[in-house]
Structure formats: C-alpha cells, structure tokens
C-alpha cells in the first residue's frame, strides 16, 4: 500500500511498524496490562466480543460511516484492536482500504485471525500510537475510533493528529463511553462505583465523553459537529449483554441508535464532524 513507504517494516504476522515508532510513555503500565489480556486464546471471537460491545449496533454504525467515504477512499481506525468492525468490508465497500492502528501488538495478531484474507488486500495493520501517527498530512478520507481515545490522558494530542492526517472533507468519528445520568443513579443506588474521569486502579485512564472534549474537537475542526447515542439496550455494567449478539434485541438496539431519548441511558456517545475543505 502506498502509505507504507521505506520508513516502515512489516513482520511475519503481517503487522507494519514505523522504524521510528514512538509509544506514549504515560501508558506503559496500561500497555503491559492489555498485552497480558491479549495473550489469551479465543475459540469464538465474536462470542467474546458480544460481552463487551454490541455487534449489531456497531455493524450498522460502520455501514453508515462507509456511506460517507468516497470511491477508493482510505480509513484509519485508531485503536482498532481485533479489527472486527471491518470483517464485512469486502462485500460492503471492496474499493475502500482500512489501516488499523493499535499500540497493543498482540491485538493485531488476533485481527489477522478475525479478518483472514482481507489482510494486506483491503485491511492493513500498524503497531502505533494515536498521539503520534506516522503518516503525512492529508492522508485519509476517514478517521474512525471506538472506545480508544477515552483512554488517552493527552486527548488533545490525539485530536490534533486526527485533524492533521485527515484530508479536506475527511470524516471524523469518535465513540466513547457516555456519561449516563440514569445508569449512574441506578449504580449508585446499588452501591456500585460509577467512574467518570481519571485512572482506574492506577493502571489505565478513562474519561467518558465530555463537553470539554467536544469543545476541543470543534475548536480544532473549526466547526460544529453532531452527537449520536448508541448501545441503548446493551448494558454490560448491569450484566445485560444479550443485545450484544445477533438477535431480536440486538436488531432493536441498532434501530434505537441515534435517538436523543437515549442520552441518559445510552452506553456510547459518538461525535461526528467533517474537516472543512
């Protein structure tokens, strides 16, 4: 792929890496933890995922995003982990290419298993960092990130990089955990902690989507974006993960996405904005 020049190397697992790779030292402890988790083996990737993400909901979100990408466009997926969002791209948009970036290299090895023949054809894997992307300015037609930027203490740096690598008219979307007022009340009533911002057990950082973050995105992109709510029914924090797999409740949940009525209960909040030409 033309974006990978002589400044990159590719290993035997089909994973690219910039020769001058820089990983944020603030997250060394988190990387170690996530590498240990990623070392586990999985018999059924989608079944495992359905306990942590709603597959039907995100499949629809991907379809909607792909409609905004021009012919022969290129997307960067920051924090793409196992890459499962793109497993249907060969049928949906055979003209589009995706570069999945993750700072946990073992996650990308799992992505090879999930995506199979799509690797090195439509999908390319990069071991890298969201705050220091090794690409030229104006390289991508779309920037996609799901529950990754919420874990980066220097959120602003990741947004600066997103803006830099996007082409004029490029599409940006970031999904993070929503600050759910109703769920917060329920959990506090049950005597459970509801984390909003800061380090969890001194290991990893988590900041739910906030007005401060949105204000910064709009400042960088020099315009107003749109909020969207998803995973209305899917509630792993309350041990309700049935809608996470393909089925009737999953289909209903995907239909509910985008409704402002879900702002107090939706698990995810996303922000969508286009880079001006």
Protein backbone atom coordinates (compact mmCIF):
# COMPACT_ATOMS: atom_id res chain seq x y z
CA UNK A 1 0.00 0.00 0.00
CA UNK A 2 1.32 3.43 -0.97
CA UNK A 3 1.04 4.88 2.56
CA UNK A 4 3.62 2.36 3.77
CA UNK A 5 6.92 3.58 2.37
CA UNK A 6 10.51 2.63 3.16
CA UNK A 7 10.14 4.14 6.64
CA UNK A 8 8.04 1.12 7.65
CA UNK A 9 8.85 -2.53 8.25
CA UNK A 10 6.44 -5.49 8.22
CA UNK A 11 6.91 -8.58 10.38
CA UNK A 12 5.92 -12.22 9.83
CA UNK A 13 2.48 -11.54 11.36
CA UNK A 14 1.71 -9.01 8.59
CA UNK A 15 1.99 -6.11 11.05
CA UNK A 16 3.64 -2.88 9.93
CA UNK A 17 5.64 -0.65 12.23
CA UNK A 18 7.34 2.68 11.63
CA UNK A 19 11.09 2.46 12.02
CA UNK A 20 10.93 5.47 14.36
CA UNK A 21 7.97 4.13 16.38
CA UNK A 22 7.02 6.29 19.37
CA UNK A 23 4.66 4.97 22.06
CA UNK A 24 3.27 7.31 24.73
CA UNK A 25 5.31 6.58 27.92
CA UNK A 26 2.33 7.64 30.08
CA UNK A 27 0.57 4.45 29.08
CA UNK A 28 3.34 1.89 29.57
CA UNK A 29 1.53 0.25 32.52
CA UNK A 30 -1.71 0.06 30.57
CA UNK A 31 0.05 -1.43 27.53
CA UNK A 32 1.59 -4.13 29.71
CA UNK A 33 -1.83 -4.99 31.18
CA UNK A 34 -3.52 -5.08 27.79
CA UNK A 35 -0.74 -7.21 26.31
CA UNK A 36 -1.31 -9.75 29.09
CA UNK A 37 -5.05 -9.83 28.35
CA UNK A 38 -4.40 -10.14 24.63
CA UNK A 39 -2.19 -13.20 25.21
CA UNK A 40 -5.32 -15.26 25.91
CA UNK A 41 -6.65 -17.57 23.20
CA UNK A 42 -10.21 -17.38 21.90
CA UNK A 43 -12.27 -20.10 20.24
CA UNK A 44 -15.05 -17.76 19.11
CA UNK A 45 -14.01 -14.14 18.64
CA UNK A 46 -17.48 -12.73 18.00
CA UNK A 47 -18.96 -14.50 21.00
CA UNK A 48 -16.25 -12.99 23.20
CA UNK A 49 -16.80 -9.55 21.67
CA UNK A 50 -20.55 -9.67 22.27
CA UNK A 51 -19.91 -9.45 26.03
CA UNK A 52 -18.08 -6.13 25.60
CA UNK A 53 -19.61 -4.49 22.51
CA UNK A 54 -22.91 -4.70 20.68
CA UNK A 55 -22.10 -6.33 17.35
CA UNK A 56 -25.45 -5.49 15.67
CA UNK A 57 -25.23 -1.84 16.75
CA UNK A 58 -21.68 -1.35 15.55
CA UNK A 59 -22.33 -3.15 12.26
CA UNK A 60 -24.95 -0.50 11.47
CA UNK A 61 -22.63 2.30 12.61
CA UNK A 62 -19.94 1.01 10.24
CA UNK A 63 -22.41 0.87 7.34
CA UNK A 64 -23.42 4.48 7.98
CA UNK A 65 -19.79 5.62 8.14
CA UNK A 66 -18.85 3.84 4.92
CA UNK A 67 -21.59 5.74 3.07
CA UNK A 68 -19.61 8.93 3.74
CA UNK A 69 -16.32 7.63 2.33
CA UNK A 70 -15.57 8.49 -1.32
CA UNK A 71 -14.77 5.93 -4.02
CA UNK A 72 -11.37 4.27 -3.42
CA UNK A 73 -11.11 6.04 -0.07
CA UNK A 74 -8.83 5.13 2.82
CA UNK A 75 -9.82 4.96 6.50
CA UNK A 76 -7.61 4.97 9.57
CA UNK A 77 -9.06 3.02 12.52
CA UNK A 78 -7.27 4.19 15.65
CA UNK A 79 -7.28 1.61 18.43
CA UNK A 80 -8.91 -0.93 16.12
CA UNK A 81 -7.84 -3.92 18.24
CA UNK A 82 -9.16 -7.12 16.58
CA UNK A 83 -10.47 -5.22 13.57
CA UNK A 84 -13.88 -6.89 13.71
CA UNK A 85 -15.73 -3.75 12.58
CA UNK A 86 -14.34 -4.31 9.07
CA UNK A 87 -14.97 -8.03 8.62
CA UNK A 88 -17.73 -7.34 6.04
CA UNK A 89 -15.97 -4.59 4.11
CA UNK A 90 -15.19 -6.89 1.19
CA UNK A 91 -18.93 -7.13 0.49
CA UNK A 92 -19.89 -3.60 1.51
CA UNK A 93 -17.09 -1.49 0.00
CA UNK A 94 -14.50 -3.51 -1.93
CA UNK A 95 -12.95 -0.22 -3.12
CA UNK A 96 -12.11 1.05 0.39
CA UNK A 97 -8.91 0.36 2.32
CA UNK A 98 -8.53 0.47 6.10
CA UNK A 99 -5.40 0.86 8.22
CA UNK A 100 -5.93 -0.44 11.75
CA UNK A 101 -3.65 1.12 14.36
CA UNK A 102 -3.19 -0.33 17.83
CA UNK A 103 -0.49 0.11 20.47
CA UNK A 104 -1.00 -3.48 21.66
CA UNK A 105 0.72 -5.59 19.05
CA UNK A 106 -0.87 -8.87 20.17
CA UNK A 107 -4.32 -7.43 19.44
CA UNK A 108 -3.27 -7.06 15.82
CA UNK A 109 -2.25 -10.72 15.71
CA UNK A 110 -5.82 -11.56 16.70
CA UNK A 111 -7.02 -9.24 13.92
CA UNK A 112 -5.24 -11.47 11.40
CA UNK A 113 -7.38 -14.40 12.63
CA UNK A 114 -10.60 -12.39 12.55
CA UNK A 115 -10.08 -10.77 9.13
CA UNK A 116 -8.35 -13.56 7.24
CA UNK A 117 -7.92 -12.92 3.52
CA UNK A 118 -8.75 -9.21 3.90
CA UNK A 119 -5.32 -8.62 5.44
CA UNK A 120 -2.88 -6.94 3.03
CA UNK A 121 -5.66 -6.61 0.44
CA UNK A 122 -8.16 -4.18 1.93
CA UNK A 123 -7.01 -4.07 5.52
CA UNK A 124 -3.53 -3.27 6.81
CA UNK A 125 -2.26 -3.49 10.38
CA UNK A 126 0.01 -0.97 12.10
CA UNK A 127 1.58 -1.11 15.53
CA UNK A 128 1.46 2.55 16.55
CA UNK A 129 0.22 5.31 18.82
CA UNK A 130 -2.80 7.60 18.42
CA UNK A 131 -0.84 10.65 19.56
CA UNK A 132 1.97 10.17 17.04
CA UNK A 133 0.66 8.77 13.75
CA UNK A 134 3.49 8.07 11.25
CA UNK A 135 1.66 9.42 8.19
CA UNK A 136 1.86 12.56 6.11
CA UNK A 137 -0.70 15.35 6.44
CA UNK A 138 -3.95 14.83 4.49
CA UNK A 139 -3.55 11.05 4.11
CA UNK A 140 -7.03 9.69 4.96
CA UNK A 141 -10.66 10.12 3.91
CA UNK A 142 -11.98 8.85 7.22
CA UNK A 143 -10.87 8.66 10.85
CA UNK A 144 -12.69 6.05 12.96
CA UNK A 145 -12.08 5.29 16.64
CA UNK A 146 -14.17 3.27 19.08
CA UNK A 147 -13.60 3.46 22.85
CA UNK A 148 -9.90 4.23 22.44
CA UNK A 149 -9.45 7.99 22.77
CA UNK A 150 -11.27 7.79 26.11
CA UNK A 151 -8.19 6.01 27.48
CA UNK A 152 -5.62 8.58 26.33
CA UNK A 153 -4.67 11.11 29.04
CA UNK A 154 -3.48 13.62 26.42
CA UNK A 155 -6.74 13.50 24.47
CA UNK A 156 -5.95 16.79 22.76
CA UNK A 157 -2.85 15.35 21.10
CA UNK A 158 -4.90 12.53 19.57
CA UNK A 159 -7.39 15.04 18.14
CA UNK A 160 -4.59 17.19 16.72
CA UNK A 161 -3.24 14.09 14.97
CA UNK A 162 -6.68 13.12 13.69
CA UNK A 163 -7.14 16.54 12.12
CA UNK A 164 -3.65 16.51 10.64
CA UNK A 165 -3.90 13.15 8.86
CA UNK A 166 -7.43 13.74 7.51
CA UNK A 167 -7.85 15.09 4.00
CA UNK A 168 -10.03 18.17 3.44
CA UNK A 169 -13.66 16.97 3.57
CA UNK A 170 -12.48 13.92 5.54
CA UNK A 171 -14.86 12.36 8.05
CA UNK A 172 -14.05 12.07 11.77
CA UNK A 173 -15.95 9.91 14.27
CA UNK A 174 -15.04 9.00 17.83
CA UNK A 175 -17.06 6.67 20.07
CA UNK A 176 -16.55 6.81 23.83
CA UNK A 177 -18.46 5.70 26.88
CA UNK A 178 -21.37 8.02 27.56
CA UNK A 179 -21.87 9.74 30.91
CA UNK A 180 -25.28 8.16 31.59
CA UNK A 181 -27.17 10.09 34.23
CA UNK A 182 -29.84 7.42 34.76
CA UNK A 183 -27.41 4.49 34.86
CA UNK A 184 -25.18 6.49 37.20
CA UNK A 185 -28.13 6.91 39.57
CA UNK A 186 -29.00 3.20 39.38
CA UNK A 187 -25.44 2.11 40.08
CA UNK A 188 -25.05 4.49 42.99
CA UNK A 189 -28.36 3.21 44.39
CA UNK A 190 -26.94 -0.31 44.16
CA UNK A 191 -23.82 0.84 45.96
CA UNK A 192 -21.60 0.47 42.91
CA UNK A 193 -18.95 2.92 41.74
CA UNK A 194 -19.59 4.87 38.54
CA UNK A 195 -16.28 6.01 37.07
CA UNK A 196 -16.32 9.28 35.12
CA UNK A 197 -12.74 10.50 34.72
CA UNK A 198 -9.28 9.55 35.95
CA UNK A 199 -7.13 6.47 36.41
CA UNK A 200 -8.75 3.13 37.23
CA UNK A 201 -6.77 1.21 39.88
CA UNK A 202 -3.72 3.30 38.89
CA UNK A 203 -3.45 1.20 35.73
CA UNK A 204 -5.45 2.73 32.89
CA UNK A 205 -7.04 6.10 32.26
CA UNK A 206 -10.72 6.51 31.42
CA UNK A 207 -12.62 9.68 30.65
CA UNK A 208 -16.21 9.40 29.49
CA UNK A 209 -17.19 11.67 26.62
CA UNK A 210 -17.40 15.19 27.98
CA UNK A 211 -18.36 18.67 26.83
CA UNK A 212 -14.72 19.66 27.26
CA UNK A 213 -13.67 17.05 24.71
CA UNK A 214 -16.35 18.09 22.23
CA UNK A 215 -15.41 21.75 22.61
CA UNK A 216 -11.81 20.88 21.79
CA UNK A 217 -12.76 18.82 18.73
CA UNK A 218 -14.92 21.65 17.38
CA UNK A 219 -12.14 24.15 18.04
CA UNK A 220 -9.61 22.06 16.08
CA UNK A 221 -12.02 21.26 13.24
CA UNK A 222 -13.26 24.88 13.18
CA UNK A 223 -16.93 24.00 13.11
CA UNK A 224 -19.86 22.25 14.76
CA UNK A 225 -20.29 18.50 14.79
CA UNK A 226 -23.07 16.09 15.70
CA UNK A 227 -23.60 13.92 18.77
CA UNK A 228 -25.03 10.43 18.43
CA UNK A 229 -26.05 7.86 21.04
CA UNK A 230 -25.80 4.10 20.62
CA UNK A 231 -25.95 0.85 22.60
CA UNK A 232 -29.19 1.91 24.29
CA UNK A 233 -30.14 -1.58 25.50
CA UNK A 234 -26.70 -3.16 25.78
CA UNK A 235 -25.55 -2.80 29.42
CA UNK A 236 -22.53 -4.93 30.39
CA UNK A 237 -22.10 -2.88 33.58
CA UNK A 238 -25.51 -4.18 34.66
CA UNK A 239 -24.75 -7.72 33.37
CA UNK A 240 -27.19 -7.35 30.47
CA UNK A 241 -25.27 -8.35 27.33
CA UNK A 242 -27.95 -10.26 25.39
CA UNK A 243 -28.32 -7.43 22.81
CA UNK A 244 -24.60 -7.69 22.08
CA UNK A 245 -25.05 -10.70 19.81
CA UNK A 246 -27.09 -11.03 16.64
CA UNK A 247 -30.73 -11.49 17.56
CA UNK A 248 -34.02 -9.67 18.05
CA UNK A 249 -32.81 -7.43 20.90
CA UNK A 250 -29.63 -6.63 19.00
CA UNK A 251 -31.67 -5.60 15.96
CA UNK A 252 -33.92 -3.39 18.14
CA UNK A 253 -30.87 -1.82 19.77
CA UNK A 254 -29.38 -0.97 16.37
CA UNK A 255 -32.67 0.72 15.39
CA UNK A 256 -32.66 2.80 18.58
CA UNK A 257 -29.20 4.22 17.89
CA UNK A 258 -29.12 7.94 17.22
CA UNK A 259 -32.15 8.78 19.32
CA UNK A 260 -31.62 11.71 21.68
CA UNK A 261 -34.01 9.94 24.02
CA UNK A 262 -31.12 7.60 24.79
CA UNK A 263 -28.80 10.34 26.06
CA UNK A 264 -29.33 9.43 29.74
CA UNK A 265 -29.10 5.65 29.25
CA UNK A 266 -27.02 5.02 26.11
CA UNK A 267 -23.74 3.25 26.81
CA UNK A 268 -21.94 5.01 23.95
CA UNK A 269 -21.77 8.57 22.77
CA UNK A 270 -20.15 9.40 19.47
CA UNK A 271 -19.14 12.66 17.88
CA UNK A 272 -19.12 13.16 14.11
CA UNK A 273 -17.56 16.05 12.23
CA UNK A 274 -16.17 16.77 8.77
CA UNK A 275 -12.88 18.51 8.14
CA UNK A 276 -13.53 21.63 6.10
CA UNK A 277 -12.11 21.89 2.60
